């Protein structure tokens, strides 16, 4: 595909040219790549081939919870959203 066609599938944050966005597609059958605006701007004209080895299957999301009793009856809740597997590198360490 041409660079112009590929650009339709690339997600960036133009106002933050060094940042790479996090874009998901749970509900639409679509594909794409996330990169910085600087990376996109550096792509040369030419033909590109995109290959994504992926599958959409029914499954489960395992998660853990814990209650740690303390000296007080007050409760502290530490929570994060659990929207996809393999989140340790973003949600559990801080978004």
PDB file of N, CA and C in Angstrom:
ATOM      1  N   UNK A   1       0.847  -1.169   0.000  1.00  0.00           N
ATOM      2  CA  UNK A   1       0.000   0.000   0.000  1.00  0.00           C
ATOM      3  C   UNK A   1       0.893   1.232   0.000  1.00  0.00           C
ATOM      4  N   UNK A   2       0.349   2.305  -0.447  1.00  0.00           N
ATOM      5  CA  UNK A   2       1.101   3.562  -0.477  1.00  0.00           C
ATOM      6  C   UNK A   2       1.214   4.140   0.928  1.00  0.00           C
ATOM      7  N   UNK A   3       2.123   5.070   1.088  1.00  0.00           N
ATOM      8  CA  UNK A   3       2.255   5.748   2.378  1.00  0.00           C
ATOM      9  C   UNK A   3       0.960   6.472   2.724  1.00  0.00           C
ATOM     10  N   UNK A   4       0.307   7.058   1.744  1.00  0.00           N
ATOM     11  CA  UNK A   4      -0.958   7.761   1.998  1.00  0.00           C
ATOM     12  C   UNK A   4      -2.010   6.800   2.540  1.00  0.00           C
ATOM     13  N   UNK A   5      -2.080   5.586   1.985  1.00  0.00           N
ATOM     14  CA  UNK A   5      -3.038   4.591   2.469  1.00  0.00           C
ATOM     15  C   UNK A   5      -2.644   4.119   3.869  1.00  0.00           C
ATOM     16  N   UNK A   6      -1.367   3.895   4.097  1.00  0.00           N
ATOM     17  CA  UNK A   6      -0.900   3.463   5.411  1.00  0.00           C
ATOM     18  C   UNK A   6      -1.212   4.503   6.479  1.00  0.00           C
ATOM     19  N   UNK A   7      -1.062   5.766   6.148  1.00  0.00           N
ATOM     20  CA  UNK A   7      -1.310   6.839   7.125  1.00  0.00           C
ATOM     21  C   UNK A   7      -2.736   6.817   7.665  1.00  0.00           C
ATOM     22  N   UNK A   8      -3.681   6.258   6.911  1.00  0.00           N
ATOM     23  CA  UNK A   8      -5.064   6.142   7.392  1.00  0.00           C
ATOM     24  C   UNK A   8      -5.156   5.190   8.583  1.00  0.00           C
ATOM     25  N   UNK A   9      -4.121   4.372   8.784  1.00  0.00           N
ATOM     26  CA  UNK A   9      -4.121   3.361   9.844  1.00  0.00           C
ATOM     27  C   UNK A   9      -3.091   3.660  10.932  1.00  0.00           C
ATOM     28  N   UNK A  10      -2.522   4.850  10.923  1.00  0.00           N
ATOM     29  CA  UNK A  10      -1.513   5.208  11.915  1.00  0.00           C
ATOM     30  C   UNK A  10      -2.089   6.241  12.883  1.00  0.00           C
ATOM     31  N   UNK A  11      -1.909   5.984  14.160  1.00  0.00           N
ATOM     32  CA  UNK A  11      -2.424   6.860  15.215  1.00  0.00           C
ATOM     33  C   UNK A  11      -1.264   7.614  15.862  1.00  0.00           C
ATOM     34  N   UNK A  12      -1.399   8.926  15.953  1.00  0.00           N
ATOM     35  CA  UNK A  12      -0.394   9.772  16.590  1.00  0.00           C
ATOM     36  C   UNK A  12      -1.101  10.827  17.435  1.00  0.00           C
ATOM     37  N   UNK A  13      -0.318  11.613  18.150  1.00  0.00           N
ATOM     38  CA  UNK A  13      -0.825  12.784  18.865  1.00  0.00           C
ATOM     39  C   UNK A  13      -0.049  13.978  18.311  1.00  0.00           C
ATOM     40  N   UNK A  14      -0.561  14.626  17.265  1.00  0.00           N
ATOM     41  CA  UNK A  14       0.190  15.709  16.633  1.00  0.00           C
ATOM     42  C   UNK A  14       0.621  16.820  17.589  1.00  0.00           C
ATOM     43  N   UNK A  15      -0.172  17.102  18.609  1.00  0.00           N
ATOM     44  CA  UNK A  15       0.187  18.165  19.553  1.00  0.00           C
ATOM     45  C   UNK A  15       1.313  17.753  20.507  1.00  0.00           C
ATOM     46  N   UNK A  16       1.623  16.461  20.544  1.00  0.00           N
ATOM     47  CA  UNK A  16       2.726  15.936  21.361  1.00  0.00           C
ATOM     48  C   UNK A  16       3.596  15.059  20.455  1.00  0.00           C
ATOM     49  N   UNK A  17       4.435  15.657  19.646  1.00  0.00           N
ATOM     50  CA  UNK A  17       5.114  14.930  18.576  1.00  0.00           C
ATOM     51  C   UNK A  17       6.033  13.793  19.011  1.00  0.00           C
ATOM     52  N   UNK A  18       6.435  13.751  20.272  1.00  0.00           N
ATOM     53  CA  UNK A  18       7.293  12.659  20.744  1.00  0.00           C
ATOM     54  C   UNK A  18       6.490  11.538  21.415  1.00  0.00           C
ATOM     55  N   UNK A  19       5.231  11.792  21.711  1.00  0.00           N
ATOM     56  CA  UNK A  19       4.403  10.829  22.439  1.00  0.00           C
ATOM     57  C   UNK A  19       3.815   9.778  21.502  1.00  0.00           C
ATOM     58  N   UNK A  20       3.621   8.577  22.053  1.00  0.00           N
ATOM     59  CA  UNK A  20       2.979   7.492  21.315  1.00  0.00           C
ATOM     60  C   UNK A  20       1.632   7.225  21.982  1.00  0.00           C
ATOM     61  N   UNK A  21       0.530   7.331  21.243  1.00  0.00           N
ATOM     62  CA  UNK A  21      -0.777   7.119  21.858  1.00  0.00           C
ATOM     63  C   UNK A  21      -1.046   5.639  22.124  1.00  0.00           C
ATOM     64  N   UNK A  22      -2.021   5.389  22.971  1.00  0.00           N
ATOM     65  CA  UNK A  22      -2.501   4.037  23.240  1.00  0.00           C
ATOM     66  C   UNK A  22      -3.902   3.962  22.654  1.00  0.00           C
ATOM     67  N   UNK A  23      -4.057   3.264  21.562  1.00  0.00           N
ATOM     68  CA  UNK A  23      -5.338   3.178  20.860  1.00  0.00           C
ATOM     69  C   UNK A  23      -5.754   1.715  20.814  1.00  0.00           C
ATOM     70  N   UNK A  24      -6.998   1.453  21.171  1.00  0.00           N
ATOM     71  CA  UNK A  24      -7.528   0.096  21.158  1.00  0.00           C
ATOM     72  C   UNK A  24      -8.698   0.001  20.194  1.00  0.00           C
ATOM     73  N   UNK A  25      -9.087  -1.216  19.886  1.00  0.00           N
ATOM     74  CA  UNK A  25     -10.234  -1.423  19.006  1.00  0.00           C
ATOM     75  C   UNK A  25     -10.992  -2.662  19.464  1.00  0.00           C
ATOM     76  N   UNK A  26     -11.736  -2.513  20.546  1.00  0.00           N
ATOM     77  CA  UNK A  26     -12.520  -3.640  21.042  1.00  0.00           C
ATOM     78  C   UNK A  26     -13.749  -3.909  20.185  1.00  0.00           C
ATOM     79  N   UNK A  27     -14.376  -2.857  19.735  1.00  0.00           N
ATOM     80  CA  UNK A  27     -15.706  -2.995  19.163  1.00  0.00           C
ATOM     81  C   UNK A  27     -15.762  -2.825  17.653  1.00  0.00           C
ATOM     82  N   UNK A  28     -14.659  -2.497  17.037  1.00  0.00           N
ATOM     83  CA  UNK A  28     -14.620  -2.346  15.586  1.00  0.00           C
ATOM     84  C   UNK A  28     -13.573  -3.292  15.021  1.00  0.00           C
ATOM     85  N   UNK A  29     -13.869  -3.860  13.879  1.00  0.00           N
ATOM     86  CA  UNK A  29     -12.879  -4.661  13.168  1.00  0.00           C
ATOM     87  C   UNK A  29     -12.013  -3.693  12.375  1.00  0.00           C
ATOM     88  N   UNK A  30     -10.893  -3.296  12.945  1.00  0.00           N
ATOM     89  CA  UNK A  30      -9.981  -2.380  12.273  1.00  0.00           C
ATOM     90  C   UNK A  30      -8.564  -2.696  12.727  1.00  0.00           C
ATOM     91  N   UNK A  31      -7.627  -2.196  11.997  1.00  0.00           N
ATOM     92  CA  UNK A  31      -6.232  -2.395  12.360  1.00  0.00           C
ATOM     93  C   UNK A  31      -5.503  -1.072  12.297  1.00  0.00           C
ATOM     94  N   UNK A  32      -4.355  -1.026  12.950  1.00  0.00           N
ATOM     95  CA  UNK A  32      -3.576   0.199  12.924  1.00  0.00           C
ATOM     96  C   UNK A  32      -2.307   0.067  13.733  1.00  0.00           C
ATOM     97  N   UNK A  33      -1.506   1.114  13.661  1.00  0.00           N
ATOM     98  CA  UNK A  33      -0.247   1.184  14.389  1.00  0.00           C
ATOM     99  C   UNK A  33      -0.193   2.508  15.144  1.00  0.00           C
ATOM    100  N   UNK A  34       0.379   2.480  16.329  1.00  0.00           N
ATOM    101  CA  UNK A  34       0.588   3.692  17.117  1.00  0.00           C
ATOM    102  C   UNK A  34       2.061   4.061  17.046  1.00  0.00           C
ATOM    103  N   UNK A  35       2.323   5.324  16.828  1.00  0.00           N
ATOM    104  CA  UNK A  35       3.698   5.820  16.796  1.00  0.00           C
ATOM    105  C   UNK A  35       3.684   7.303  17.083  1.00  0.00           C
ATOM    106  N   UNK A  36       4.863   7.846  17.305  1.00  0.00           N
ATOM    107  CA  UNK A  36       4.944   9.286  17.536  1.00  0.00           C
ATOM    108  C   UNK A  36       4.747  10.026  16.215  1.00  0.00           C
ATOM    109  N   UNK A  37       4.349  11.277  16.310  1.00  0.00           N
ATOM    110  CA  UNK A  37       4.205  12.099  15.107  1.00  0.00           C
ATOM    111  C   UNK A  37       5.559  12.249  14.414  1.00  0.00           C
ATOM    112  N   UNK A  38       6.630  12.324  15.205  1.00  0.00           N
ATOM    113  CA  UNK A  38       7.972  12.420  14.627  1.00  0.00           C
ATOM    114  C   UNK A  38       8.311  11.184  13.795  1.00  0.00           C
ATOM    115  N   UNK A  39       7.933  10.004  14.294  1.00  0.00           N
ATOM    116  CA  UNK A  39       8.177   8.781  13.528  1.00  0.00           C
ATOM    117  C   UNK A  39       7.365   8.781  12.238  1.00  0.00           C
ATOM    118  N   UNK A  40       6.108   9.183  12.336  1.00  0.00           N
ATOM    119  CA  UNK A  40       5.264   9.231  11.144  1.00  0.00           C
ATOM    120  C   UNK A  40       5.848  10.192  10.116  1.00  0.00           C
ATOM    121  N   UNK A  41       6.270  11.350  10.567  1.00  0.00           N
ATOM    122  CA  UNK A  41       6.820  12.352   9.648  1.00  0.00           C
ATOM    123  C   UNK A  41       8.110  11.877   8.982  1.00  0.00           C
ATOM    124  N   UNK A  42       8.798  10.919   9.590  1.00  0.00           N
ATOM    125  CA  UNK A  42      10.068  10.449   9.028  1.00  0.00           C
ATOM    126  C   UNK A  42       9.899   9.295   8.038  1.00  0.00           C
ATOM    127  N   UNK A  43       8.671   8.776   7.891  1.00  0.00           N
ATOM    128  CA  UNK A  43       8.464   7.660   6.961  1.00  0.00           C
ATOM    129  C   UNK A  43       8.637   8.140   5.523  1.00  0.00           C
ATOM    130  N   UNK A  44       9.451   7.439   4.744  1.00  0.00           N
ATOM    131  CA  UNK A  44       9.650   7.857   3.356  1.00  0.00           C
ATOM    132  C   UNK A  44       8.490   7.426   2.463  1.00  0.00           C
ATOM    133  N   UNK A  45       8.292   8.140   1.390  1.00  0.00           N
ATOM    134  CA  UNK A  45       7.314   7.721   0.386  1.00  0.00           C
ATOM    135  C   UNK A  45       7.722   6.347  -0.126  1.00  0.00           C
ATOM    136  N   UNK A  46       6.742   5.581  -0.546  1.00  0.00           N
ATOM    137  CA  UNK A  46       7.030   4.251  -1.079  1.00  0.00           C
ATOM    138  C   UNK A  46       5.866   3.326  -0.814  1.00  0.00           C
ATOM    139  N   UNK A  47       6.076   2.064  -1.110  1.00  0.00           N
ATOM    140  CA  UNK A  47       5.054   1.054  -0.877  1.00  0.00           C
ATOM    141  C   UNK A  47       5.356   0.327   0.427  1.00  0.00           C
ATOM    142  N   UNK A  48       4.301   0.029   1.169  1.00  0.00           N
ATOM    143  CA  UNK A  48       4.419  -0.624   2.464  1.00  0.00           C
ATOM    144  C   UNK A  48       3.553  -1.873   2.484  1.00  0.00           C
ATOM    145  N   UNK A  49       3.984  -2.844   3.264  1.00  0.00           N
ATOM    146  CA  UNK A  49       3.224  -4.072   3.476  1.00  0.00           C
ATOM    147  C   UNK A  49       3.016  -4.206   4.979  1.00  0.00           C
ATOM    148  N   UNK A  50       1.777  -4.321   5.412  1.00  0.00           N
ATOM    149  CA  UNK A  50       1.463  -4.484   6.837  1.00  0.00           C
ATOM    150  C   UNK A  50       1.028  -5.922   7.081  1.00  0.00           C
ATOM    151  N   UNK A  51       1.617  -6.547   8.082  1.00  0.00           N
ATOM    152  CA  UNK A  51       1.244  -7.904   8.466  1.00  0.00           C
ATOM    153  C   UNK A  51       1.052  -7.917   9.976  1.00  0.00           C
ATOM    154  N   UNK A  52      -0.140  -8.248  10.405  1.00  0.00           N
ATOM    155  CA  UNK A  52      -0.454  -8.320  11.834  1.00  0.00           C
ATOM    156  C   UNK A  52      -0.947  -9.725  12.116  1.00  0.00           C
ATOM    157  N   UNK A  53      -0.217 -10.463  12.918  1.00  0.00           N
ATOM    158  CA  UNK A  53      -0.576 -11.834  13.265  1.00  0.00           C
ATOM    159  C   UNK A  53      -1.367 -11.781  14.564  1.00  0.00           C
ATOM    160  N   UNK A  54      -2.679 -11.784  14.448  1.00  0.00           N
ATOM    161  CA  UNK A  54      -3.535 -11.584  15.611  1.00  0.00           C
ATOM    162  C   UNK A  54      -4.829 -12.352  15.430  1.00  0.00           C
ATOM    163  N   UNK A  55      -5.499 -12.601  16.517  1.00  0.00           N
ATOM    164  CA  UNK A  55      -6.817 -13.212  16.436  1.00  0.00           C
ATOM    165  C   UNK A  55      -7.698 -12.651  17.541  1.00  0.00           C
ATOM    166  N   UNK A  56      -8.981 -12.620  17.263  1.00  0.00           N
ATOM    167  CA  UNK A  56      -9.961 -12.149  18.233  1.00  0.00           C
ATOM    168  C   UNK A  56     -10.751 -13.372  18.681  1.00  0.00           C
ATOM    169  N   UNK A  57     -10.576 -13.746  19.949  1.00  0.00           N
ATOM    170  CA  UNK A  57     -11.211 -14.953  20.455  1.00  0.00           C
ATOM    171  C   UNK A  57     -11.895 -14.663  21.784  1.00  0.00           C
ATOM    172  N   UNK A  58     -12.862 -15.499  22.124  1.00  0.00           N
ATOM    173  CA  UNK A  58     -13.467 -15.421  23.446  1.00  0.00           C
ATOM    174  C   UNK A  58     -12.461 -15.968  24.450  1.00  0.00           C
ATOM    175  N   UNK A  59     -12.426 -15.379  25.607  1.00  0.00           N
ATOM    176  CA  UNK A  59     -11.478 -15.831  26.618  1.00  0.00           C
ATOM    177  C   UNK A  59     -11.877 -15.315  27.979  1.00  0.00           C
ATOM    178  N   UNK A  60     -10.907 -15.182  28.831  1.00  0.00           N
ATOM    179  CA  UNK A  60     -11.170 -14.703  30.180  1.00  0.00           C
ATOM    180  C   UNK A  60     -10.054 -13.760  30.602  1.00  0.00           C
ATOM    181  N   UNK A  61     -10.361 -12.953  31.573  1.00  0.00           N
ATOM    182  CA  UNK A  61      -9.387 -12.024  32.131  1.00  0.00           C
ATOM    183  C   UNK A  61      -9.235 -12.360  33.608  1.00  0.00           C
ATOM    184  N   UNK A  62      -8.089 -12.858  33.982  1.00  0.00           N
ATOM    185  CA  UNK A  62      -7.819 -13.202  35.375  1.00  0.00           C
ATOM    186  C   UNK A  62      -7.262 -11.984  36.100  1.00  0.00           C
ATOM    187  N   UNK A  63      -7.710 -11.772  37.309  1.00  0.00           N
ATOM    188  CA  UNK A  63      -7.185 -10.677  38.119  1.00  0.00           C
ATOM    189  C   UNK A  63      -7.180 -11.102  39.577  1.00  0.00           C
ATOM    190  N   UNK A  64      -6.509 -10.349  40.400  1.00  0.00           N
ATOM    191  CA  UNK A  64      -6.394 -10.683  41.813  1.00  0.00           C
ATOM    192  C   UNK A  64      -6.935  -9.550  42.665  1.00  0.00           C
ATOM    193  N   UNK A  65      -7.342  -9.889  43.868  1.00  0.00           N
ATOM    194  CA  UNK A  65      -7.741  -8.886  44.842  1.00  0.00           C
ATOM    195  C   UNK A  65      -7.257  -9.345  46.206  1.00  0.00           C
ATOM    196  N   UNK A  66      -7.075  -8.399  47.097  1.00  0.00           N
ATOM    197  CA  UNK A  66      -6.597  -8.734  48.435  1.00  0.00           C
ATOM    198  C   UNK A  66      -7.187  -7.761  49.438  1.00  0.00           C
ATOM    199  N   UNK A  67      -7.455  -8.251  50.613  1.00  0.00           N
ATOM    200  CA  UNK A  67      -7.888  -7.426  51.737  1.00  0.00           C
ATOM    201  C   UNK A  67      -6.827  -7.585  52.819  1.00  0.00           C
ATOM    202  N   UNK A  68      -6.253  -6.470  53.227  1.00  0.00           N
ATOM    203  CA  UNK A  68      -5.219  -6.485  54.259  1.00  0.00           C
ATOM    204  C   UNK A  68      -5.773  -5.812  55.507  1.00  0.00           C
ATOM    205  N   UNK A  69      -6.117  -6.580  56.530  1.00  0.00           N
ATOM    206  CA  UNK A  69      -6.672  -5.974  57.734  1.00  0.00           C
ATOM    207  C   UNK A  69      -5.642  -5.074  58.417  1.00  0.00           C
ATOM    208  N   UNK A  70      -6.136  -3.978  58.953  1.00  0.00           N
ATOM    209  CA  UNK A  70      -5.259  -3.028  59.629  1.00  0.00           C
ATOM    210  C   UNK A  70      -5.743  -2.734  61.029  1.00  0.00           C
ATOM    211  N   UNK A  71      -5.188  -1.702  61.622  1.00  0.00           N
ATOM    212  CA  UNK A  71      -5.546  -1.324  62.981  1.00  0.00           C
ATOM    213  C   UNK A  71      -6.823  -0.507  63.026  1.00  0.00           C
ATOM    214  N   UNK A  72      -7.218   0.063  61.909  1.00  0.00           N
ATOM    215  CA  UNK A  72      -8.385   0.936  61.840  1.00  0.00           C
ATOM    216  C   UNK A  72      -9.524   0.220  61.126  1.00  0.00           C
ATOM    217  N   UNK A  73     -10.736   0.661  61.402  1.00  0.00           N
ATOM    218  CA  UNK A  73     -11.895   0.140  60.685  1.00  0.00           C
ATOM    219  C   UNK A  73     -12.073   0.845  59.343  1.00  0.00           C
ATOM    220  N   UNK A  74     -11.301   1.902  59.123  1.00  0.00           N
ATOM    221  CA  UNK A  74     -11.390   2.635  57.865  1.00  0.00           C
ATOM    222  C   UNK A  74     -10.850   1.776  56.728  1.00  0.00           C
ATOM    223  N   UNK A  75     -11.313   2.085  55.529  1.00  0.00           N
ATOM    224  CA  UNK A  75     -10.923   1.301  54.365  1.00  0.00           C
ATOM    225  C   UNK A  75     -10.225   2.179  53.338  1.00  0.00           C
ATOM    226  N   UNK A  76      -9.182   1.653  52.753  1.00  0.00           N
ATOM    227  CA  UNK A  76      -8.480   2.314  51.656  1.00  0.00           C
ATOM    228  C   UNK A  76      -8.594   1.400  50.449  1.00  0.00           C
ATOM    229  N   UNK A  77      -9.078   1.929  49.352  1.00  0.00           N
ATOM    230  CA  UNK A  77      -9.233   1.153  48.128  1.00  0.00           C
ATOM    231  C   UNK A  77      -8.214   1.635  47.104  1.00  0.00           C
ATOM    232  N   UNK A  78      -7.390   0.728  46.644  1.00  0.00           N
ATOM    233  CA  UNK A  78      -6.461   1.018  45.555  1.00  0.00           C
ATOM    234  C   UNK A  78      -6.965   0.224  44.361  1.00  0.00           C
ATOM    235  N   UNK A  79      -7.316   0.915  43.309  1.00  0.00           N
ATOM    236  CA  UNK A  79      -7.962   0.254  42.178  1.00  0.00           C
ATOM    237  C   UNK A  79      -7.408   0.761  40.857  1.00  0.00           C
ATOM    238  N   UNK A  80      -7.586  -0.036  39.848  1.00  0.00           N
ATOM    239  CA  UNK A  80      -7.269   0.354  38.479  1.00  0.00           C
ATOM    240  C   UNK A  80      -8.272  -0.337  37.575  1.00  0.00           C
ATOM    241  N   UNK A  81      -8.446   0.174  36.388  1.00  0.00           N
ATOM    242  CA  UNK A  81      -9.376  -0.504  35.499  1.00  0.00           C
ATOM    243  C   UNK A  81      -8.724  -1.763  34.957  1.00  0.00           C
ATOM    244  N   UNK A  82      -9.530  -2.758  34.676  1.00  0.00           N
ATOM    245  CA  UNK A  82      -9.027  -4.041  34.194  1.00  0.00           C
ATOM    246  C   UNK A  82      -9.686  -4.344  32.854  1.00  0.00           C
ATOM    247  N   UNK A  83      -9.231  -3.662  31.846  1.00  0.00           N
ATOM    248  CA  UNK A  83      -9.895  -3.756  30.547  1.00  0.00           C
ATOM    249  C   UNK A  83      -9.212  -4.695  29.568  1.00  0.00           C
ATOM    250  N   UNK A  84      -7.996  -5.153  29.857  1.00  0.00           N
ATOM    251  CA  UNK A  84      -7.309  -6.046  28.929  1.00  0.00           C
ATOM    252  C   UNK A  84      -6.204  -6.794  29.667  1.00  0.00           C
ATOM    253  N   UNK A  85      -5.790  -7.936  29.134  1.00  0.00           N
ATOM    254  CA  UNK A  85      -4.742  -8.712  29.794  1.00  0.00           C
ATOM    255  C   UNK A  85      -3.366  -8.074  29.640  1.00  0.00           C
ATOM    256  N   UNK A  86      -2.418  -8.574  30.392  1.00  0.00           N
ATOM    257  CA  UNK A  86      -1.011  -8.154  30.347  1.00  0.00           C
ATOM    258  C   UNK A  86      -0.846  -6.680  30.668  1.00  0.00           C
ATOM    259  N   UNK A  87      -1.444  -6.246  31.769  1.00  0.00           N
ATOM    260  CA  UNK A  87      -1.448  -4.824  32.100  1.00  0.00           C
ATOM    261  C   UNK A  87      -0.335  -4.412  33.053  1.00  0.00           C
ATOM    262  N   UNK A  88       0.504  -5.320  33.499  1.00  0.00           N
ATOM    263  CA  UNK A  88       1.474  -4.991  34.542  1.00  0.00           C
ATOM    264  C   UNK A  88       2.385  -3.838  34.167  1.00  0.00           C
ATOM    265  N   UNK A  89       2.656  -3.658  32.907  1.00  0.00           N
ATOM    266  CA  UNK A  89       3.570  -2.594  32.516  1.00  0.00           C
ATOM    267  C   UNK A  89       2.901  -1.243  32.348  1.00  0.00           C
ATOM    268  N   UNK A  90       1.580  -1.181  32.402  1.00  0.00           N
ATOM    269  CA  UNK A  90       0.982   0.152  32.347  1.00  0.00           C
ATOM    270  C   UNK A  90       0.064   0.417  33.534  1.00  0.00           C
ATOM    271  N   UNK A  91      -0.978  -0.305  33.749  1.00  0.00           N
ATOM    272  CA  UNK A  91      -1.921   0.026  34.814  1.00  0.00           C
ATOM    273  C   UNK A  91      -1.376  -0.257  36.213  1.00  0.00           C
ATOM    274  N   UNK A  92      -0.802  -1.409  36.443  1.00  0.00           N
ATOM    275  CA  UNK A  92      -0.364  -1.751  37.793  1.00  0.00           C
ATOM    276  C   UNK A  92       0.832  -0.927  38.247  1.00  0.00           C
ATOM    277  N   UNK A  93       1.613  -0.457  37.296  1.00  0.00           N
ATOM    278  CA  UNK A  93       2.762   0.367  37.656  1.00  0.00           C
ATOM    279  C   UNK A  93       2.430   1.851  37.619  1.00  0.00           C
ATOM    280  N   UNK A  94       1.213   2.174  37.245  1.00  0.00           N
ATOM    281  CA  UNK A  94       0.776   3.572  37.193  1.00  0.00           C
ATOM    282  C   UNK A  94       0.600   4.041  35.768  1.00  0.00           C
ATOM    283  N   UNK A  95      -0.620   4.483  35.413  1.00  0.00           N
ATOM    284  CA  UNK A  95      -0.878   4.903  34.030  1.00  0.00           C
ATOM    285  C   UNK A  95      -0.139   6.178  33.659  1.00  0.00           C
TER     286      UNK A  95
END
